[in-house]
Protein backbone atom coordinates (compact mmCIF):
# COMPACT_ATOMS: atom_id res chain seq x y z
CA UNK A 1 -8.87 -10.04 -6.01
CA UNK A 2 -6.67 -7.61 -7.90
CA UNK A 3 -6.20 -7.86 -11.66
CA UNK A 4 -3.59 -5.29 -12.75
CA UNK A 5 -3.34 -6.53 -16.36
CA UNK A 6 -2.15 -4.16 -19.06
CA UNK A 7 -4.34 -5.99 -21.59
CA UNK A 8 -7.25 -8.28 -20.88
CA UNK A 9 -10.09 -8.28 -23.43
CA UNK A 10 -12.61 -9.55 -20.91
CA UNK A 11 -11.10 -11.65 -18.08
CA UNK A 12 -13.45 -14.43 -17.06
CA UNK A 13 -11.61 -14.56 -13.73
CA UNK A 14 -13.51 -11.41 -12.72
CA UNK A 15 -16.83 -13.25 -13.17
CA UNK A 16 -15.50 -16.24 -11.27
CA UNK A 17 -14.26 -14.17 -8.35
CA UNK A 18 -17.52 -12.27 -8.11
CA UNK A 19 -19.49 -15.53 -8.19
CA UNK A 20 -17.54 -16.53 -5.09
CA UNK A 21 -18.36 -13.24 -3.37
CA UNK A 22 -14.88 -11.86 -3.83
CA UNK A 23 -14.64 -8.10 -4.46
CA UNK A 24 -12.51 -7.28 -7.50
CA UNK A 25 -10.14 -4.43 -8.27
CA UNK A 26 -9.00 -4.21 -11.87
CA UNK A 27 -7.03 -1.95 -14.15
CA UNK A 28 -8.87 0.14 -16.69
CA UNK A 29 -7.48 -2.17 -19.41
CA UNK A 30 -9.49 -5.16 -18.18
CA UNK A 31 -12.62 -5.46 -20.30
CA UNK A 32 -14.71 -6.88 -17.47
CA UNK A 33 -13.88 -3.84 -15.36
CA UNK A 34 -16.29 -1.76 -17.41
CA UNK A 35 -19.12 -4.26 -17.29
CA UNK A 36 -18.71 -5.80 -13.86
CA UNK A 37 -16.47 -3.75 -11.57
CA UNK A 38 -17.51 -0.17 -12.42
CA UNK A 39 -21.22 -0.75 -11.72
CA UNK A 40 -20.37 -2.25 -8.32
CA UNK A 41 -17.48 -0.08 -7.14
CA UNK A 42 -16.12 2.53 -9.54
CA UNK A 43 -13.31 3.31 -7.11
CA UNK A 44 -12.04 -0.27 -7.58
CA UNK A 45 -10.91 0.48 -11.14
CA UNK A 46 -7.45 2.04 -11.44
CA UNK A 47 -5.28 3.30 -14.30
CA UNK A 48 -3.08 0.55 -15.68
CA UNK A 49 0.50 0.83 -14.45
CA UNK A 50 -0.35 3.38 -11.75
CA UNK A 51 1.11 1.57 -8.78
CA UNK A 52 0.57 4.52 -6.47
CA UNK A 53 -3.14 4.66 -7.29
CA UNK A 54 -3.50 0.92 -6.74
CA UNK A 55 -1.63 1.12 -3.44
CA UNK A 56 -3.91 3.92 -2.21
CA UNK A 57 -7.01 1.96 -3.20
CA UNK A 58 -5.78 -1.18 -1.46
CA UNK A 59 -4.90 0.79 1.65
CA UNK A 60 -8.31 2.45 1.72
CA UNK A 61 -10.17 -0.84 1.40
CA UNK A 62 -7.97 -2.53 4.01
CA UNK A 63 -9.09 0.04 6.56
CA UNK A 64 -12.77 0.03 5.59
CA UNK A 65 -14.16 -3.46 6.08
CA UNK A 66 -17.72 -2.16 5.91
CA UNK A 67 -17.17 -0.86 2.36
CA UNK A 68 -15.53 -4.14 1.38
CA UNK A 69 -18.59 -6.02 2.64
CA UNK A 70 -20.89 -3.67 0.68
CA UNK A 71 -18.87 -4.29 -2.48
CA UNK A 72 -19.00 -8.03 -1.87
CA UNK A 73 -22.80 -7.94 -1.58
CA UNK A 74 -23.22 -5.70 -4.62
CA UNK A 75 -20.92 -7.95 -6.66
CA UNK A 76 -22.98 -11.00 -5.76
CA UNK A 77 -26.20 -9.22 -6.70
CA UNK A 78 -24.82 -8.05 -10.03
CA UNK A 79 -23.33 -11.39 -11.01
CA UNK A 80 -26.60 -13.19 -10.19
CA UNK A 81 -28.26 -11.08 -12.87
CA UNK A 82 -25.47 -11.58 -15.43
CA UNK A 83 -26.38 -13.67 -18.46
CA UNK A 84 -25.29 -14.51 -21.99
CA UNK A 85 -27.79 -11.91 -23.17
CA UNK A 86 -26.12 -9.19 -21.11
CA UNK A 87 -22.73 -10.30 -22.41
CA UNK A 88 -24.04 -10.04 -25.97
CA UNK A 89 -25.49 -6.58 -25.29
CA UNK A 90 -22.10 -5.44 -23.99
CA UNK A 91 -20.33 -6.88 -27.02
CA UNK A 92 -22.70 -5.08 -29.38
CA UNK A 93 -22.13 -1.78 -27.53
CA UNK A 94 -18.37 -2.28 -27.76
CA UNK A 95 -18.53 -3.01 -31.50
CA UNK A 96 -20.73 0.04 -32.08
CA UNK A 97 -18.32 2.23 -30.12
CA UNK A 98 -15.37 0.86 -32.10
CA UNK A 99 -17.10 1.44 -35.43
CA UNK A 100 -18.07 4.98 -34.39
CA UNK A 101 -14.49 5.70 -33.34
CA UNK A 102 -13.10 4.44 -36.66
CA UNK A 103 -15.65 6.53 -38.58
CA UNK A 104 -14.77 9.56 -36.48
CA UNK A 105 -18.21 10.19 -35.10
């Protein structure tokens, strides 16, 4: 699945795809990319609007089925461990980062 959104605070569809064993590529403006995609496959996150980068990533994965299978397995393992507690922890980290940014620290 590819989610090239320019703004997506979290994107539950990423969780849903991963629950089905579907590897996910997402723009760096998709909130779930930080929590769910980066830990599984950092190379599957691309700069929003960078069509050339996305095209290269898609081409690379299309020719490397073994890597795609590894990402699929890692995604399933990660999502099995996901919980409301982990979501809350991520939300708290995001709020703390936002507050620190506003305070200039």
